Amino acid sequence: MDAVEAPPAPALAPVPGRPLPRTPRELYDALPPLPGLQTEVIDGRLVTRLRDAPEYASAAMQLFEALLPLMDDRGWQAWAGNVGVCLDETNEPVVPDLVLAPWGCPRD
């Protein structure tokens, strides 16, 4: 079987005249697109993981199934993956694997 070469990684180099990032959020804002990776700032930390890791999807589905009775009882709705939300009093968007929220709640 022939080896498959990975695509070249995006080049990360300082931009002349632009200061280097000092915080995780500044680094996040300066990153080029990273195909196949999900990158977020969570609790002041830069977190990166594979976007399509099946372990995350499986854990999210198990959590969803376990929380169905609570969702029904409280009238909550759920979204799996690719839903951006901002946590209370922050402007830091995150894209969790699973979101539970009351119907009609604000997105931030």
Protein backbone atom coordinates (compact mmCIF):
# COMPACT_ATOMS: atom_id res chain seq x y z
CA MET A 1 0.00 0.00 0.00
CA ASP A 2 1.38 3.43 -0.97
CA ALA A 3 1.80 6.07 1.72
CA VAL A 4 -0.51 9.05 1.45
CA GLU A 5 1.11 12.43 1.97
CA ALA A 6 -0.61 14.90 4.24
CA PRO A 7 -1.38 18.31 2.75
CA PRO A 8 1.14 20.99 3.69
CA ALA A 9 0.42 22.79 6.95
CA PRO A 10 -0.50 26.49 6.74
CA ALA A 11 2.55 28.69 7.11
CA LEU A 12 2.67 30.56 10.40
CA ALA A 13 5.15 33.41 10.24
CA PRO A 14 5.36 36.86 11.81
CA VAL A 15 3.90 39.65 9.69
CA PRO A 16 6.30 42.60 9.37
CA GLY A 17 5.01 45.61 11.28
CA ARG A 18 2.40 43.59 13.17
CA PRO A 19 3.01 42.70 16.84
CA LEU A 20 2.99 39.06 17.86
CA PRO A 21 -0.18 37.90 19.66
CA ARG A 22 -0.04 38.37 23.44
CA THR A 23 -3.20 36.52 24.46
CA PRO A 24 -4.93 33.32 23.36
CA ARG A 25 -7.72 35.43 21.81
CA GLU A 26 -5.22 37.50 19.80
CA LEU A 27 -3.56 34.28 18.63
CA TYR A 28 -6.96 32.84 17.67
CA ASP A 29 -7.78 35.97 15.68
CA ALA A 30 -4.39 35.79 13.89
CA LEU A 31 -4.64 32.13 12.88
CA PRO A 32 -5.12 31.25 9.22
CA PRO A 33 -7.86 28.75 8.35
CA LEU A 34 -6.89 25.34 9.72
CA PRO A 35 -8.76 22.76 7.62
CA GLY A 36 -9.97 19.79 9.64
CA LEU A 37 -9.37 21.47 13.01
CA GLN A 38 -11.74 23.21 15.36
CA THR A 39 -10.06 25.97 17.32
CA GLU A 40 -11.71 27.94 20.13
CA VAL A 41 -10.83 30.13 23.09
CA ILE A 42 -12.34 28.52 26.18
CA ASP A 43 -11.78 29.98 29.65
CA GLY A 44 -8.87 32.00 28.30
CA ARG A 45 -7.13 29.00 26.71
CA LEU A 46 -6.66 28.23 23.02
CA VAL A 47 -8.13 24.77 22.43
CA THR A 48 -7.70 22.89 19.14
CA ARG A 49 -8.98 19.45 18.21
CA LEU A 50 -9.85 17.41 15.16
CA ARG A 51 -13.20 18.56 13.80
CA ASP A 52 -14.33 15.09 12.78
CA ALA A 53 -13.12 12.98 15.71
CA PRO A 54 -15.77 10.25 16.15
CA GLU A 55 -15.11 10.08 19.91
CA TYR A 56 -16.55 13.59 20.33
CA ALA A 57 -19.65 12.83 18.28
CA SER A 58 -20.24 9.59 20.17
CA ALA A 59 -19.88 11.29 23.57
CA ALA A 60 -22.24 14.09 22.48
CA MET A 61 -24.88 11.58 21.36
CA GLN A 62 -24.62 9.60 24.62
CA LEU A 63 -25.00 12.82 26.60
CA PHE A 64 -27.97 13.85 24.44
CA GLU A 65 -29.71 10.52 25.04
CA ALA A 66 -29.09 10.71 28.80
CA LEU A 67 -30.50 14.26 28.94
CA LEU A 68 -33.65 13.61 26.86
CA PRO A 69 -35.91 13.22 29.94
CA LEU A 70 -34.64 16.51 31.37
CA MET A 71 -35.08 18.24 28.00
CA ASP A 72 -38.66 16.99 27.74
CA ASP A 73 -39.42 17.97 31.34
CA ARG A 74 -38.04 21.51 30.95
CA GLY A 75 -39.01 22.12 27.34
CA TRP A 76 -35.43 22.57 26.17
CA GLN A 77 -34.09 22.12 22.68
CA ALA A 78 -30.75 20.65 21.57
CA TRP A 79 -28.28 21.18 18.75
CA ALA A 80 -25.33 18.97 17.92
CA GLY A 81 -22.15 20.58 16.57
CA ASN A 82 -21.66 23.65 14.40
CA VAL A 83 -23.80 25.94 16.57
CA GLY A 84 -21.91 28.98 17.81
CA VAL A 85 -22.92 30.43 21.16
CA CYS A 86 -21.50 33.01 23.58
CA LEU A 87 -21.50 32.23 27.27
CA ASP A 88 -22.99 34.65 29.80
CA GLU A 89 -21.29 38.05 29.79
CA THR A 90 -18.58 37.08 27.29
CA ASN A 91 -18.02 37.90 23.67
CA GLU A 92 -16.03 34.71 23.14
CA PRO A 93 -17.96 32.47 20.74
CA VAL A 94 -17.63 28.73 21.23
CA VAL A 95 -18.92 25.84 19.14
CA PRO A 96 -19.62 23.01 21.59
CA ASP A 97 -20.37 19.46 20.50
CA LEU A 98 -23.81 19.70 22.09
CA VAL A 99 -25.93 22.71 23.08
CA LEU A 100 -29.00 22.54 25.34
CA ALA A 101 -31.10 25.63 25.85
CA PRO A 102 -34.67 26.75 26.54
CA TRP A 103 -36.76 27.49 23.46
CA GLY A 104 -36.35 31.09 22.35
CA CYS A 105 -33.33 31.83 24.52
CA PRO A 106 -30.90 34.53 23.32
CA ARG A 107 -27.88 33.24 21.46
CA ASP A 108 -25.42 35.20 23.59
